[in-house]
All heavy atoms as atom14 arrays in JSON, in Angstrom:
{
  "sequence": "RICPFYVLGLTNFVTNKASWFLATILGNAFLYGLVGAGLAAV",
  "atom14_mask": [
    [1, 1, 1, 1, 1, 1, 1, 1, 1, 1, 1, 0, 0, 0],
    [1, 1, 1, 1, 1, 1, 1, 1, 0, 0, 0, 0, 0, 0],
    [1, 1, 1, 1, 1, 1, 0, 0, 0, 0, 0, 0, 0, 0],
    [1, 1, 1, 1, 1, 1, 1, 0, 0, 0, 0, 0, 0, 0],
    [1, 1, 1, 1, 1, 1, 1, 1, 1, 1, 1, 0, 0, 0],
    [1, 1, 1, 1, 1, 1, 1, 1, 1, 1, 1, 1, 0, 0],
    [1, 1, 1, 1, 1, 1, 1, 0, 0, 0, 0, 0, 0, 0],
    [1, 1, 1, 1, 1, 1, 1, 1, 0, 0, 0, 0, 0, 0],
    [1, 1, 1, 1, 0, 0, 0, 0, 0, 0, 0, 0, 0, 0],
    [1, 1, 1, 1, 1, 1, 1, 1, 0, 0, 0, 0, 0, 0],
    [1, 1, 1, 1, 1, 1, 1, 0, 0, 0, 0, 0, 0, 0],
    [1, 1, 1, 1, 1, 1, 1, 1, 0, 0, 0, 0, 0, 0],
    [1, 1, 1, 1, 1, 1, 1, 1, 1, 1, 1, 0, 0, 0],
    [1, 1, 1, 1, 1, 1, 1, 0, 0, 0, 0, 0, 0, 0],
    [1, 1, 1, 1, 1, 1, 1, 0, 0, 0, 0, 0, 0, 0],
    [1, 1, 1, 1, 1, 1, 1, 1, 0, 0, 0, 0, 0, 0],
    [1, 1, 1, 1, 1, 1, 1, 1, 1, 0, 0, 0, 0, 0],
    [1, 1, 1, 1, 1, 0, 0, 0, 0, 0, 0, 0, 0, 0],
    [1, 1, 1, 1, 1, 1, 0, 0, 0, 0, 0, 0, 0, 0],
    [1, 1, 1, 1, 1, 1, 1, 1, 1, 1, 1, 1, 1, 1],
    [1, 1, 1, 1, 1, 1, 1, 1, 1, 1, 1, 0, 0, 0],
    [1, 1, 1, 1, 1, 1, 1, 1, 0, 0, 0, 0, 0, 0],
    [1, 1, 1, 1, 1, 0, 0, 0, 0, 0, 0, 0, 0, 0],
    [1, 1, 1, 1, 1, 1, 1, 0, 0, 0, 0, 0, 0, 0],
    [1, 1, 1, 1, 1, 1, 1, 1, 0, 0, 0, 0, 0, 0],
    [1, 1, 1, 1, 1, 1, 1, 1, 0, 0, 0, 0, 0, 0],
    [1, 1, 1, 1, 0, 0, 0, 0, 0, 0, 0, 0, 0, 0],
    [1, 1, 1, 1, 1, 1, 1, 1, 0, 0, 0, 0, 0, 0],
    [1, 1, 1, 1, 1, 0, 0, 0, 0, 0, 0, 0, 0, 0],
    [1, 1, 1, 1, 1, 1, 1, 1, 1, 1, 1, 0, 0, 0],
    [1, 1, 1, 1, 1, 1, 1, 1, 0, 0, 0, 0, 0, 0],
    [1, 1, 1, 1, 1, 1, 1, 1, 1, 1, 1, 1, 0, 0],
    [1, 1, 1, 1, 0, 0, 0, 0, 0, 0, 0, 0, 0, 0],
    [1, 1, 1, 1, 1, 1, 1, 1, 0, 0, 0, 0, 0, 0],
    [1, 1, 1, 1, 1, 1, 1, 0, 0, 0, 0, 0, 0, 0],
    [1, 1, 1, 1, 0, 0, 0, 0, 0, 0, 0, 0, 0, 0],
    [1, 1, 1, 1, 1, 0, 0, 0, 0, 0, 0, 0, 0, 0],
    [1, 1, 1, 1, 0, 0, 0, 0, 0, 0, 0, 0, 0, 0],
    [1, 1, 1, 1, 1, 1, 1, 1, 0, 0, 0, 0, 0, 0],
    [1, 1, 1, 1, 1, 0, 0, 0, 0, 0, 0, 0, 0, 0],
    [1, 1, 1, 1, 1, 0, 0, 0, 0, 0, 0, 0, 0, 0],
    [1, 1, 1, 1, 1, 1, 1, 0, 0, 0, 0, 0, 0, 0]
  ],
  "atom14_positions": [
    [[-0.31, -17.17, -4.49], [0.59, -16.01, -4.33], [0.75, -15.23, -5.61], [0.81, -14.0, -5.57], [1.94, -16.47, -3.82], [1.86, -16.9, -2.39], [3.19, -17.13, -1.79], [2.98, -17.61, -0.42], [3.9, -18.14, 0.3], [5.12, -18.26, -0.17], [3.63, -18.55, 1.52], [0.0, 0.0, 0.0], [0.0, 0.0, 0.0], [0.0, 0.0, 0.0]],
    [[0.87, -15.9, -6.75], [1.12, -15.15, -7.98], [-0.14, -14.96, -8.82], [-0.09, -14.24, -9.81], [2.25, -15.79, -8.82], [1.88, -17.17, -9.31], [3.53, -15.83, -8.06], [2.91, -17.77, -10.23], [0.0, 0.0, 0.0], [0.0, 0.0, 0.0], [0.0, 0.0, 0.0], [0.0, 0.0, 0.0], [0.0, 0.0, 0.0], [0.0, 0.0, 0.0]],
    [[-1.24, -15.58, -8.45], [-2.53, -15.36, -9.11], [-3.57, -15.01, -8.04], [-4.32, -15.88, -7.6], [-2.99, -16.61, -9.86], [-1.99, -17.07, -11.24], [0.0, 0.0, 0.0], [0.0, 0.0, 0.0], [0.0, 0.0, 0.0], [0.0, 0.0, 0.0], [0.0, 0.0, 0.0], [0.0, 0.0, 0.0], [0.0, 0.0, 0.0], [0.0, 0.0, 0.0]],
    [[-3.62, -13.75, -7.62], [-4.53, -13.43, -6.51], [-6.02, -13.61, -6.86], [-6.83, -13.83, -5.96], [-4.22, -11.97, -6.2], [-3.44, -11.47, -7.34], [-2.85, -12.61, -8.05], [0.0, 0.0, 0.0], [0.0, 0.0, 0.0], [0.0, 0.0, 0.0], [0.0, 0.0, 0.0], [0.0, 0.0, 0.0], [0.0, 0.0, 0.0], [0.0, 0.0, 0.0]],
    [[-6.39, -13.56, -8.13], [-7.8, -13.74, -8.5], [-8.19, -15.21, -8.56], [-9.35, -15.52, -8.78], [-8.08, -13.06, -9.84], [-7.95, -11.57, -9.77], [-6.8, -10.94, -10.19], [-8.96, -10.81, -9.25], [-6.67, -9.58, -10.11], [-8.85, -9.45, -9.15], [-7.7, -8.82, -9.59], [0.0, 0.0, 0.0], [0.0, 0.0, 0.0], [0.0, 0.0, 0.0]],
    [[-7.24, -16.1, -8.35], [-7.51, -17.53, -8.36], [-8.41, -17.94, -7.2], [-9.14, -18.9, -7.3], [-6.17, -18.28, -8.28], [-6.25, -19.75, -8.46], [-6.41, -20.29, -9.73], [-6.16, -20.62, -7.39], [-6.47, -21.65, -9.92], [-6.24, -21.98, -7.56], [-6.4, -22.49, -8.83], [-6.48, -23.82, -9.01], [0.0, 0.0, 0.0], [0.0, 0.0, 0.0]],
    [[-8.37, -17.18, -6.13], [-9.17, -17.5, -4.94], [-10.66, -17.34, -5.2], [-11.47, -17.87, -4.44], [-8.69, -16.64, -3.75], [-9.2, -15.23, -3.84], [-9.07, -17.27, -2.44], [0.0, 0.0, 0.0], [0.0, 0.0, 0.0], [0.0, 0.0, 0.0], [0.0, 0.0, 0.0], [0.0, 0.0, 0.0], [0.0, 0.0, 0.0], [0.0, 0.0, 0.0]],
    [[-11.05, -16.67, -6.27], [-12.48, -16.52, -6.58], [-13.15, -17.87, -6.84], [-14.36, -18.01, -6.63], [-12.67, -15.63, -7.81], [-12.38, -14.15, -7.62], [-12.48, -13.44, -8.96], [-13.32, -13.55, -6.63], [0.0, 0.0, 0.0], [0.0, 0.0, 0.0], [0.0, 0.0, 0.0], [0.0, 0.0, 0.0], [0.0, 0.0, 0.0], [0.0, 0.0, 0.0]],
    [[-12.39, -18.85, -7.28], [-12.97, -20.16, -7.53], [-13.34, -20.91, -6.27], [-14.12, -21.86, -6.31], [0.0, 0.0, 0.0], [0.0, 0.0, 0.0], [0.0, 0.0, 0.0], [0.0, 0.0, 0.0], [0.0, 0.0, 0.0], [0.0, 0.0, 0.0], [0.0, 0.0, 0.0], [0.0, 0.0, 0.0], [0.0, 0.0, 0.0], [0.0, 0.0, 0.0]],
    [[-12.81, -20.5, -5.14], [-13.11, -21.17, -3.88], [-14.25, -20.52, -3.12], [-14.65, -20.99, -2.07], [-11.86, -21.2, -3.0], [-10.64, -21.88, -3.63], [-9.45, -21.77, -2.72], [-10.93, -23.32, -3.96], [0.0, 0.0, 0.0], [0.0, 0.0, 0.0], [0.0, 0.0, 0.0], [0.0, 0.0, 0.0], [0.0, 0.0, 0.0], [0.0, 0.0, 0.0]],
    [[-14.76, -19.42, -3.63], [-15.87, -18.73, -2.98], [-17.17, -19.05, -3.72], [-17.17, -19.65, -4.78], [-15.64, -17.21, -3.0], [-15.62, -16.77, -4.36], [-14.35, -16.84, -2.33], [0.0, 0.0, 0.0], [0.0, 0.0, 0.0], [0.0, 0.0, 0.0], [0.0, 0.0, 0.0], [0.0, 0.0, 0.0], [0.0, 0.0, 0.0], [0.0, 0.0, 0.0]],
    [[-18.27, -18.64, -3.17], [-19.56, -18.81, -3.84], [-19.88, -17.62, -4.73], [-20.96, -17.55, -5.3], [-20.67, -18.98, -2.81], [-20.56, -20.31, -2.1], [-20.02, -21.26, -2.65], [-21.05, -20.36, -0.88], [0.0, 0.0, 0.0], [0.0, 0.0, 0.0], [0.0, 0.0, 0.0], [0.0, 0.0, 0.0], [0.0, 0.0, 0.0], [0.0, 0.0, 0.0]],
    [[-18.94, -16.69, -4.86], [-19.16, -15.5, -5.67], [-19.18, -15.84, -7.16], [-20.0, -15.33, -7.9], [-18.07, -14.47, -5.36], [-18.24, -13.18, -6.08], [-19.27, -12.33, -5.75], [-17.37, -12.8, -7.08], [-19.44, -11.13, -6.4], [-17.52, -11.61, -7.74], [-18.57, -10.78, -7.41], [0.0, 0.0, 0.0], [0.0, 0.0, 0.0], [0.0, 0.0, 0.0]],
    [[-18.27, -16.7, -7.6], [-18.21, -17.14, -8.99], [-18.58, -18.62, -9.03], [-17.86, -19.45, -8.49], [-16.81, -16.9, -9.59], [-16.75, -17.4, -11.01], [-16.42, -15.45, -9.52], [0.0, 0.0, 0.0], [0.0, 0.0, 0.0], [0.0, 0.0, 0.0], [0.0, 0.0, 0.0], [0.0, 0.0, 0.0], [0.0, 0.0, 0.0], [0.0, 0.0, 0.0]],
    [[-19.7, -18.94, -9.65], [-20.17, -20.33, -9.65], [-19.83, -21.06, -10.94], [-19.74, -22.28, -10.95], [-21.68, -20.38, -9.43], [-22.32, -19.6, -10.43], [-22.04, -19.84, -8.06], [0.0, 0.0, 0.0], [0.0, 0.0, 0.0], [0.0, 0.0, 0.0], [0.0, 0.0, 0.0], [0.0, 0.0, 0.0], [0.0, 0.0, 0.0], [0.0, 0.0, 0.0]],
    [[-19.63, -20.35, -12.04], [-19.35, -20.97, -13.32], [-17.84, -21.06, -13.52], [-17.11, -20.1, -13.3], [-19.98, -20.11, -14.42], [-19.94, -20.77, -15.76], [-19.47, -21.89, -15.89], [-20.43, -20.07, -16.75], [0.0, 0.0, 0.0], [0.0, 0.0, 0.0], [0.0, 0.0, 0.0], [0.0, 0.0, 0.0], [0.0, 0.0, 0.0], [0.0, 0.0, 0.0]],
    [[-17.35, -22.23, -13.94], [-15.91, -22.41, -14.13], [-15.36, -21.53, -15.25], [-14.25, -21.04, -15.16], [-15.58, -23.87, -14.39], [-15.34, -24.66, -13.16], [-14.31, -25.73, -13.48], [-14.19, -26.7, -12.37], [-13.52, -26.2, -11.21], [0.0, 0.0, 0.0], [0.0, 0.0, 0.0], [0.0, 0.0, 0.0], [0.0, 0.0, 0.0], [0.0, 0.0, 0.0]],
    [[-16.13, -21.34, -16.3], [-15.66, -20.51, -17.41], [-15.47, -19.06, -16.96], [-14.47, -18.42, -17.32], [-16.63, -20.59, -18.58], [0.0, 0.0, 0.0], [0.0, 0.0, 0.0], [0.0, 0.0, 0.0], [0.0, 0.0, 0.0], [0.0, 0.0, 0.0], [0.0, 0.0, 0.0], [0.0, 0.0, 0.0], [0.0, 0.0, 0.0], [0.0, 0.0, 0.0]],
    [[-16.4, -18.55, -16.19], [-16.24, -17.17, -15.7], [-15.13, -17.08, -14.67], [-14.45, -16.06, -14.57], [-17.55, -16.65, -15.13], [-17.98, -17.46, -14.07], [0.0, 0.0, 0.0], [0.0, 0.0, 0.0], [0.0, 0.0, 0.0], [0.0, 0.0, 0.0], [0.0, 0.0, 0.0], [0.0, 0.0, 0.0], [0.0, 0.0, 0.0], [0.0, 0.0, 0.0]],
    [[-14.88, -18.16, -13.92], [-13.76, -18.17, -12.98], [-12.44, -18.13, -13.73], [-11.53, -17.37, -13.37], [-13.85, -19.41, -12.1], [-12.68, -19.67, -11.23], [-12.02, -18.76, -10.45], [-12.01, -20.9, -11.04], [-10.99, -19.38, -9.78], [-10.97, -20.69, -10.13], [-12.2, -22.17, -11.54], [-10.12, -21.7, -9.72], [-11.37, -23.18, -11.12], [-10.34, -22.94, -10.22]],
    [[-12.31, -18.92, -14.79], [-11.1, -18.89, -15.6], [-10.9, -17.52, -16.23], [-9.8, -16.97, -16.23], [-11.14, -19.95, -16.71], [-11.07, -21.36, -16.23], [-11.51, -22.39, -17.03], [-10.58, -21.68, -14.98], [-11.46, -23.7, -16.61], [-10.52, -22.98, -14.53], [-10.95, -23.99, -15.36], [0.0, 0.0, 0.0], [0.0, 0.0, 0.0], [0.0, 0.0, 0.0]],
    [[-11.97, -16.96, -16.77], [-11.89, -15.66, -17.41], [-11.51, -14.58, -16.41], [-10.66, -13.73, -16.7], [-13.23, -15.34, -18.08], [-13.25, -14.13, -18.99], [-12.33, -14.35, -20.17], [-14.66, -13.87, -19.46], [0.0, 0.0, 0.0], [0.0, 0.0, 0.0], [0.0, 0.0, 0.0], [0.0, 0.0, 0.0], [0.0, 0.0, 0.0], [0.0, 0.0, 0.0]],
    [[-12.11, -14.6, -15.22], [-11.77, -13.6, -14.2], [-10.33, -13.76, -13.73], [-9.64, -12.76, -13.51], [-12.73, -13.73, -13.02], [0.0, 0.0, 0.0], [0.0, 0.0, 0.0], [0.0, 0.0, 0.0], [0.0, 0.0, 0.0], [0.0, 0.0, 0.0], [0.0, 0.0, 0.0], [0.0, 0.0, 0.0], [0.0, 0.0, 0.0], [0.0, 0.0, 0.0]],
    [[-9.86, -14.99, -13.62], [-8.48, -15.22, -13.18], [-7.5, -14.74, -14.23], [-6.53, -14.03, -13.92], [-8.25, -16.71, -12.89], [-9.16, -17.13, -11.89], [-6.85, -16.96, -12.42], [0.0, 0.0, 0.0], [0.0, 0.0, 0.0], [0.0, 0.0, 0.0], [0.0, 0.0, 0.0], [0.0, 0.0, 0.0], [0.0, 0.0, 0.0], [0.0, 0.0, 0.0]],
    [[-7.73, -15.09, -15.48], [-6.79, -14.73, -16.54], [-6.81, -13.22, -16.8], [-5.75, -12.58, -16.86], [-7.09, -15.53, -17.82], [-6.79, -17.01, -17.59], [-6.28, -15.0, -19.0], [-7.28, -17.92, -18.68], [0.0, 0.0, 0.0], [0.0, 0.0, 0.0], [0.0, 0.0, 0.0], [0.0, 0.0, 0.0], [0.0, 0.0, 0.0], [0.0, 0.0, 0.0]],
    [[-7.99, -12.64, -16.92], [-8.06, -11.2, -17.17], [-7.6, -10.38, -15.97], [-6.94, -9.34, -16.12], [-9.47, -10.8, -17.57], [-9.93, -11.27, -18.94], [-11.36, -10.84, -19.2], [-9.02, -10.74, -20.03], [0.0, 0.0, 0.0], [0.0, 0.0, 0.0], [0.0, 0.0, 0.0], [0.0, 0.0, 0.0], [0.0, 0.0, 0.0], [0.0, 0.0, 0.0]],
    [[-7.95, -10.82, -14.78], [-7.5, -10.11, -13.58], [-6.0, -10.15, -13.42], [-5.36, -9.15, -13.08], [0.0, 0.0, 0.0], [0.0, 0.0, 0.0], [0.0, 0.0, 0.0], [0.0, 0.0, 0.0], [0.0, 0.0, 0.0], [0.0, 0.0, 0.0], [0.0, 0.0, 0.0], [0.0, 0.0, 0.0], [0.0, 0.0, 0.0], [0.0, 0.0, 0.0]],
    [[-5.41, -11.31, -13.69], [-3.97, -11.43, -13.6], [-3.29, -10.59, -14.68], [-2.27, -9.96, -14.43], [-3.56, -12.89, -13.71], [-2.48, -13.27, -12.77], [-2.38, -12.7, -11.69], [-1.67, -14.23, -13.15], [0.0, 0.0, 0.0], [0.0, 0.0, 0.0], [0.0, 0.0, 0.0], [0.0, 0.0, 0.0], [0.0, 0.0, 0.0], [0.0, 0.0, 0.0]],
    [[-3.85, -10.59, -15.89], [-3.28, -9.78, -16.96], [-3.34, -8.3, -16.62], [-2.38, -7.55, -16.83], [-4.01, -10.05, -18.27], [0.0, 0.0, 0.0], [0.0, 0.0, 0.0], [0.0, 0.0, 0.0], [0.0, 0.0, 0.0], [0.0, 0.0, 0.0], [0.0, 0.0, 0.0], [0.0, 0.0, 0.0], [0.0, 0.0, 0.0], [0.0, 0.0, 0.0]],
    [[-4.47, -7.86, -16.07], [-4.61, -6.46, -15.68], [-3.64, -6.09, -14.55], [-2.97, -5.05, -14.61], [-6.05, -6.19, -15.24], [-6.33, -4.76, -14.91], [-6.37, -3.81, -15.9], [-6.55, -4.38, -13.61], [-6.62, -2.48, -15.59], [-6.8, -3.07, -13.28], [-6.83, -2.1, -14.28], [0.0, 0.0, 0.0], [0.0, 0.0, 0.0], [0.0, 0.0, 0.0]],
    [[-3.53, -6.96, -13.56], [-2.64, -6.69, -12.43], [-1.18, -6.63, -12.87], [-0.46, -5.68, -12.54], [-2.83, -7.77, -11.37], [-2.02, -7.64, -10.09], [-2.5, -6.43, -9.3], [-2.14, -8.89, -9.26], [0.0, 0.0, 0.0], [0.0, 0.0, 0.0], [0.0, 0.0, 0.0], [0.0, 0.0, 0.0], [0.0, 0.0, 0.0], [0.0, 0.0, 0.0]],
    [[-0.73, -7.61, -13.64], [0.64, -7.61, -14.1], [0.89, -6.52, -15.14], [2.0, -6.02, -15.27], [1.01, -8.99, -14.65], [1.37, -9.98, -13.58], [0.39, -10.58, -12.8], [2.68, -10.32, -13.35], [0.71, -11.48, -11.81], [3.01, -11.23, -12.36], [2.03, -11.82, -11.6], [2.36, -12.71, -10.63], [0.0, 0.0, 0.0], [0.0, 0.0, 0.0]],
    [[-0.15, -6.13, -15.88], [-0.02, -5.01, -16.8], [0.23, -3.71, -16.07], [1.04, -2.88, -16.49], [0.0, 0.0, 0.0], [0.0, 0.0, 0.0], [0.0, 0.0, 0.0], [0.0, 0.0, 0.0], [0.0, 0.0, 0.0], [0.0, 0.0, 0.0], [0.0, 0.0, 0.0], [0.0, 0.0, 0.0], [0.0, 0.0, 0.0], [0.0, 0.0, 0.0]],
    [[-0.47, -3.52, -14.95], [-0.23, -2.32, -14.13], [1.18, -2.31, -13.55], [1.84, -1.27, -13.52], [-1.26, -2.24, -13.0], [-2.65, -1.8, -13.39], [-3.58, -1.88, -12.18], [-2.64, -0.4, -13.93], [0.0, 0.0, 0.0], [0.0, 0.0, 0.0], [0.0, 0.0, 0.0], [0.0, 0.0, 0.0], [0.0, 0.0, 0.0], [0.0, 0.0, 0.0]],
    [[1.63, -3.47, -13.11], [3.0, -3.56, -12.57], [4.02, -3.28, -13.67], [5.0, -2.56, -13.45], [3.23, -4.94, -11.91], [4.69, -5.16, -11.58], [2.38, -5.07, -10.67], [0.0, 0.0, 0.0], [0.0, 0.0, 0.0], [0.0, 0.0, 0.0], [0.0, 0.0, 0.0], [0.0, 0.0, 0.0], [0.0, 0.0, 0.0], [0.0, 0.0, 0.0]],
    [[3.8, -3.84, -14.86], [4.71, -3.6, -15.97], [4.74, -2.14, -16.38], [5.81, -1.59, -16.68], [0.0, 0.0, 0.0], [0.0, 0.0, 0.0], [0.0, 0.0, 0.0], [0.0, 0.0, 0.0], [0.0, 0.0, 0.0], [0.0, 0.0, 0.0], [0.0, 0.0, 0.0], [0.0, 0.0, 0.0], [0.0, 0.0, 0.0], [0.0, 0.0, 0.0]],
    [[3.58, -1.49, -16.4], [3.53, -0.07, -16.73], [4.23, 0.77, -15.67], [4.94, 1.73, -16.0], [2.07, 0.38, -16.89], [0.0, 0.0, 0.0], [0.0, 0.0, 0.0], [0.0, 0.0, 0.0], [0.0, 0.0, 0.0], [0.0, 0.0, 0.0], [0.0, 0.0, 0.0], [0.0, 0.0, 0.0], [0.0, 0.0, 0.0], [0.0, 0.0, 0.0]],
    [[4.06, 0.41, -14.42], [4.74, 1.14, -13.35], [6.25, 0.98, -13.42], [6.99, 1.96, -13.25], [0.0, 0.0, 0.0], [0.0, 0.0, 0.0], [0.0, 0.0, 0.0], [0.0, 0.0, 0.0], [0.0, 0.0, 0.0], [0.0, 0.0, 0.0], [0.0, 0.0, 0.0], [0.0, 0.0, 0.0], [0.0, 0.0, 0.0], [0.0, 0.0, 0.0]],
    [[6.7, -0.22, -13.69], [8.14, -0.43, -13.82], [8.71, 0.31, -15.03], [9.81, 0.87, -14.96], [8.45, -1.93, -13.93], [8.27, -2.74, -12.66], [8.49, -4.22, -12.95], [9.21, -2.27, -11.58], [0.0, 0.0, 0.0], [0.0, 0.0, 0.0], [0.0, 0.0, 0.0], [0.0, 0.0, 0.0], [0.0, 0.0, 0.0], [0.0, 0.0, 0.0]],
    [[7.96, 0.32, -16.13], [8.42, 1.06, -17.31], [8.45, 2.56, -17.05], [9.36, 3.26, -17.5], [7.52, 0.75, -18.5], [0.0, 0.0, 0.0], [0.0, 0.0, 0.0], [0.0, 0.0, 0.0], [0.0, 0.0, 0.0], [0.0, 0.0, 0.0], [0.0, 0.0, 0.0], [0.0, 0.0, 0.0], [0.0, 0.0, 0.0], [0.0, 0.0, 0.0]],
    [[7.48, 3.06, -16.29], [7.47, 4.49, -15.96], [8.65, 4.86, -15.07], [9.3, 5.89, -15.27], [6.15, 4.86, -15.28], [0.0, 0.0, 0.0], [0.0, 0.0, 0.0], [0.0, 0.0, 0.0], [0.0, 0.0, 0.0], [0.0, 0.0, 0.0], [0.0, 0.0, 0.0], [0.0, 0.0, 0.0], [0.0, 0.0, 0.0], [0.0, 0.0, 0.0]],
    [[8.94, 4.01, -14.09], [10.08, 4.27, -13.21], [11.39, 4.2, -14.0], [12.28, 5.03, -13.82], [10.09, 3.28, -12.02], [11.4, 3.32, -11.27], [8.93, 3.58, -11.1], [0.0, 0.0, 0.0], [0.0, 0.0, 0.0], [0.0, 0.0, 0.0], [0.0, 0.0, 0.0], [0.0, 0.0, 0.0], [0.0, 0.0, 0.0], [0.0, 0.0, 0.0]]
  ]
}
């Protein structure tokens, strides 16, 4: 629920664990960064 990019590890799209961790961390940072910027703008 709070890490939507975490589901990439359960698919065959990302096969390497390091790239799965990187995609999860960077994707979550980008997603929450957009939410933080939107809240700051409001």
